[in-house]
Protein backbone atom coordinates (compact mmCIF):
# COMPACT_ATOMS: atom_id res chain seq x y z
CA MET A 1 -24.34 -61.48 -220.60
CA ARG A 2 -21.64 -63.22 -222.62
CA LEU A 3 -19.52 -66.32 -222.32
CA LYS A 4 -17.53 -68.22 -224.93
CA PRO A 5 -15.42 -71.38 -225.05
CA PHE A 6 -12.03 -71.13 -226.73
CA LYS A 7 -10.35 -73.97 -228.59
CA ARG A 8 -6.88 -72.51 -229.14
CA MET A 9 -4.44 -70.01 -227.67
CA GLN A 10 -1.90 -68.20 -229.80
CA VAL A 11 0.88 -66.15 -228.24
CA TRP A 12 3.56 -64.37 -230.23
CA ASP A 13 6.26 -61.76 -229.78
CA ALA A 14 6.26 -58.47 -231.66
CA CYS A 15 10.06 -58.10 -231.69
CA SER A 16 11.16 -61.59 -232.66
CA ASP A 17 9.98 -64.71 -234.42
CA ALA A 18 8.87 -66.34 -231.16
CA LEU A 19 5.44 -67.91 -231.56
CA ILE A 20 3.61 -70.57 -229.58
CA THR A 21 0.19 -72.10 -230.12
CA PHE A 22 -1.74 -74.15 -227.58
CA ASP A 23 -4.35 -76.51 -228.94
CA LYS A 24 -5.28 -80.16 -228.87
CA GLU A 25 -6.94 -82.03 -231.69
CA GLY A 26 -10.15 -83.67 -230.66
CA MET A 27 -10.50 -81.73 -227.43
CA GLU A 28 -13.88 -80.05 -227.19
CA ASP A 29 -12.86 -76.83 -225.40
CA MET A 30 -9.67 -75.60 -223.74
CA GLY A 31 -11.52 -73.24 -221.44
CA TYR A 32 -14.13 -70.51 -221.21
CA ILE A 33 -14.06 -66.72 -221.15
CA ILE A 34 -16.93 -65.59 -218.94
CA GLU A 35 -18.09 -62.07 -218.13
CA ASN A 36 -18.20 -61.17 -214.46
CA ASP A 37 -21.99 -60.68 -214.55
CA VAL A 38 -22.44 -64.31 -215.64
CA ILE A 39 -20.27 -65.60 -212.80
CA THR A 40 -22.01 -63.36 -210.26
CA ALA A 41 -25.45 -64.50 -211.43
CA ALA A 42 -24.44 -68.17 -211.19
CA LEU A 43 -23.01 -67.74 -207.69
CA THR A 44 -26.13 -65.86 -206.59
CA CYS A 45 -28.33 -68.70 -207.85
CA GLN A 46 -26.26 -71.21 -205.89
CA LEU A 47 -26.49 -69.10 -202.74
CA ASP A 48 -30.25 -68.81 -203.17
CA ALA A 49 -30.45 -72.59 -203.42
CA LEU A 50 -28.62 -72.82 -200.07
CA SER A 51 -30.76 -70.20 -198.35
CA ASP A 52 -31.60 -72.63 -195.54
CA ARG A 53 -27.89 -72.79 -194.63
CA VAL A 54 -26.38 -69.56 -195.96
CA LYS A 55 -27.53 -66.02 -195.23
CA VAL A 56 -26.32 -63.27 -197.55
CA LEU A 57 -26.26 -59.71 -196.23
CA TYR A 58 -26.49 -57.64 -199.40
CA ARG A 59 -25.42 -53.98 -199.31
CA SER A 60 -23.64 -54.53 -196.00
CA ARG A 61 -20.25 -53.06 -195.17
CA ALA A 62 -17.85 -53.97 -192.39
CA VAL A 63 -16.45 -50.91 -190.61
CA GLY A 64 -14.47 -52.50 -187.78
CA TYR A 65 -13.39 -55.65 -186.00
CA THR A 66 -12.89 -56.70 -182.40
CA TRP A 67 -10.35 -59.48 -182.12
CA PRO A 68 -10.32 -62.22 -179.48
CA ALA A 69 -7.60 -62.24 -176.84
CA PRO A 70 -4.41 -63.99 -178.04
CA TYR A 71 -4.74 -66.47 -175.21
CA SER A 72 -8.08 -67.93 -174.22
CA SER A 73 -9.36 -67.04 -170.79
CA ALA A 74 -12.52 -67.54 -168.86
CA GLU A 75 -13.59 -63.97 -169.59
CA GLY A 76 -12.37 -63.77 -173.17
CA SER A 77 -14.39 -64.66 -176.26
CA PRO A 78 -12.92 -66.93 -178.93
CA PHE A 79 -14.92 -65.12 -181.61
CA VAL A 80 -14.08 -62.23 -183.90
CA LYS A 81 -16.70 -59.49 -183.72
CA ILE A 82 -17.49 -57.77 -187.01
CA HIS A 83 -19.06 -54.32 -186.79
CA LEU A 84 -21.31 -53.36 -189.72
CA ALA A 85 -22.11 -49.86 -190.95
CA ASP A 86 -25.81 -50.24 -190.09
CA GLY A 87 -25.00 -50.92 -186.43
CA GLN A 88 -25.35 -54.69 -186.55
CA SER A 89 -22.55 -56.99 -185.46
CA LEU A 90 -21.59 -60.55 -186.34
CA HIS A 91 -19.49 -63.11 -184.46
CA THR A 92 -17.36 -65.83 -186.02
CA ARG A 93 -14.50 -68.16 -185.17
CA LEU A 94 -13.11 -67.89 -188.71
CA LEU A 95 -12.88 -64.60 -190.60
CA ILE A 96 -11.70 -64.85 -194.22
CA GLY A 97 -10.13 -61.68 -195.60
CA ALA A 98 -11.09 -62.02 -199.27
CA ASP A 99 -11.80 -58.32 -199.68
CA GLY A 100 -9.32 -57.37 -202.36
CA GLN A 101 -5.94 -55.72 -202.75
CA ASN A 102 -6.54 -53.10 -200.06
CA SER A 103 -7.98 -55.61 -197.60
CA THR A 104 -9.39 -53.97 -194.48
CA VAL A 105 -9.33 -57.37 -192.77
CA ARG A 106 -5.59 -57.74 -193.42
CA THR A 107 -4.93 -54.18 -192.25
CA ALA A 108 -7.04 -54.54 -189.10
CA ALA A 109 -5.34 -57.85 -188.27
CA GLY A 110 -1.90 -56.27 -188.66
CA ILE A 111 -0.83 -58.71 -191.37
CA ASN A 112 2.06 -57.25 -193.34
CA ASN A 113 2.39 -57.55 -197.09
CA ILE A 114 5.09 -56.76 -199.60
CA GLN A 115 4.24 -55.03 -202.86
CA TRP A 116 6.01 -53.12 -205.59
CA SER A 117 5.06 -51.37 -208.79
CA TYR A 118 5.75 -52.87 -212.21
CA ASN A 119 5.01 -49.44 -213.72
CA HIS A 120 2.25 -51.04 -215.77
CA VAL A 121 -1.49 -50.61 -215.84
CA ALA A 122 -4.14 -52.49 -217.81
CA VAL A 123 -6.58 -50.88 -220.22
CA VAL A 124 -9.64 -53.14 -220.49
CA ALA A 125 -12.55 -52.91 -222.90
CA THR A 126 -15.20 -54.97 -224.65
CA LEU A 127 -14.85 -54.71 -228.42
CA GLN A 128 -17.12 -55.67 -231.30
CA LEU A 129 -15.57 -57.47 -234.26
CA SER A 130 -16.11 -56.02 -237.71
CA GLU A 131 -17.74 -59.28 -238.81
CA SER A 132 -19.08 -62.40 -237.15
CA THR A 133 -16.60 -65.31 -236.96
CA GLU A 134 -16.21 -68.46 -234.92
CA ASN A 135 -14.03 -66.31 -232.62
CA ASN A 136 -12.79 -69.28 -230.62
CA VAL A 137 -9.10 -68.35 -230.29
CA ALA A 138 -7.51 -66.47 -227.37
CA TRP A 139 -4.84 -64.13 -228.78
CA GLN A 140 -1.92 -62.54 -226.96
CA ARG A 141 0.95 -60.51 -228.38
CA PHE A 142 3.95 -59.25 -226.44
CA LEU A 143 4.69 -55.66 -227.44
CA PRO A 144 7.74 -53.60 -226.38
CA THR A 145 5.46 -51.79 -223.91
CA GLY A 146 3.76 -54.93 -222.55
CA PRO A 147 1.33 -57.68 -223.59
CA ILE A 148 -2.01 -57.14 -225.31
CA ALA A 149 -4.68 -59.85 -225.34
CA LEU A 150 -8.06 -60.43 -226.94
CA LEU A 151 -10.30 -63.04 -225.39
CA PRO A 152 -13.48 -64.25 -227.14
CA LEU A 153 -16.84 -63.47 -225.53
CA SER A 154 -19.13 -64.39 -228.44
CA ASP A 155 -18.99 -64.67 -232.23
CA THR A 156 -18.97 -60.87 -232.47
CA TRP A 157 -17.49 -59.63 -229.17
CA SER A 158 -14.07 -59.92 -227.53
CA SER A 159 -12.58 -58.75 -224.24
CA LEU A 160 -9.44 -56.61 -224.52
CA VAL A 161 -6.70 -56.46 -221.89
CA TRP A 162 -3.82 -54.16 -222.84
CA SER A 163 -0.99 -53.94 -220.31
CA THR A 164 1.21 -50.92 -220.87
CA SER A 165 2.93 -47.97 -219.22
CA PRO A 166 0.80 -45.44 -217.29
CA ASP A 167 1.61 -42.70 -219.82
CA HIS A 168 0.61 -44.85 -222.78
CA ALA A 169 -2.55 -45.99 -220.99
CA SER A 170 -3.54 -42.35 -220.42
CA GLU A 171 -2.93 -41.67 -224.10
CA LEU A 172 -5.15 -44.60 -225.10
CA LEU A 173 -7.96 -43.46 -222.80
CA ARG A 174 -7.90 -39.96 -224.30
CA MET A 175 -8.42 -41.29 -227.84
CA ASP A 176 -11.74 -41.11 -229.63
CA ASP A 177 -13.35 -44.43 -230.56
CA GLU A 178 -11.94 -44.58 -234.09
CA SER A 179 -8.38 -43.77 -233.00
CA PHE A 180 -8.56 -46.34 -230.21
CA VAL A 181 -9.75 -49.05 -232.60
CA ASP A 182 -6.93 -48.17 -235.01
CA ALA A 183 -4.43 -48.44 -232.14
CA VAL A 184 -5.76 -51.88 -231.15
CA ASN A 185 -5.60 -53.22 -234.71
CA SER A 186 -2.12 -51.77 -235.18
CA ALA A 187 -0.90 -53.35 -231.94
CA PHE A 188 -1.68 -56.80 -233.33
CA VAL A 189 -0.16 -56.43 -236.81
CA SER A 190 2.55 -53.73 -236.69
CA GLN A 191 6.15 -54.84 -237.14
CA PHE A 192 8.82 -53.98 -234.61
CA PRO A 193 12.57 -54.33 -235.19
CA PRO A 194 14.03 -56.84 -235.65
CA CYS A 195 11.43 -57.97 -238.18
CA ASP A 196 10.11 -61.44 -237.50
CA ASN A 197 9.22 -64.09 -240.04
CA HIS A 198 5.71 -64.61 -238.71
CA VAL A 199 4.20 -61.49 -240.25
CA ALA A 200 1.92 -63.66 -242.37
CA GLN A 201 0.63 -65.32 -239.22
CA ALA A 202 0.04 -61.91 -237.63
CA LYS A 203 -1.86 -60.79 -240.71
CA LEU A 204 -3.95 -63.93 -240.47
CA ALA A 205 -4.75 -62.96 -236.89
CA SER A 206 -5.97 -59.56 -238.09
CA PHE A 207 -8.89 -61.27 -239.84
CA PHE A 208 -10.23 -62.25 -236.45
CA LEU A 209 -9.08 -59.11 -234.66
CA SER A 210 -10.38 -56.36 -236.90
CA PHE A 211 -12.70 -53.83 -235.30
CA THR A 212 -14.66 -50.92 -236.69
CA VAL A 213 -16.57 -47.99 -235.25
CA GLU A 214 -20.22 -47.84 -236.28
């Protein structure tokens, strides 16, 4: 499990001289990059500590809902009934639909949503740096195809998020390890027209963002 505070954010554009750095002298940490496993473990510990008030049904799945009548009546129930896959059912006055993009709660409740495609997907990975550094800077570069970011997880590991077109993402996923690492390094230091005057700064970034395949 990995987590890492970052002290600075640097964002720059690949096709211009636009560059912005977020930092504050004397401030201990700007924020933390935390792996999902760490967050899940912490939340689980908190739930365990509240076991006298909170019951967690692990490996349970809701398969249907029975909604209360829109107007209360003597015969009607004010509760939502939740049907579980194992045959159990739960009753609640408040049902929170925090079940993701394709929410079954939202669909079952008939709540409409508006969505559209940006024609972008994200390639995510955990990468090992070629050498140990303080690795306390969050880097983001805006490429012609979309932004790429490296977020520190430890002195030797970073989290990659590369937003790009579906075709380019498929190309990246087909690469072998060495080619993929070369593509990542190139994405942070390659020049795109018109040439910017922050190439030296980008090359400085490559010291922190250089990866190798063992």
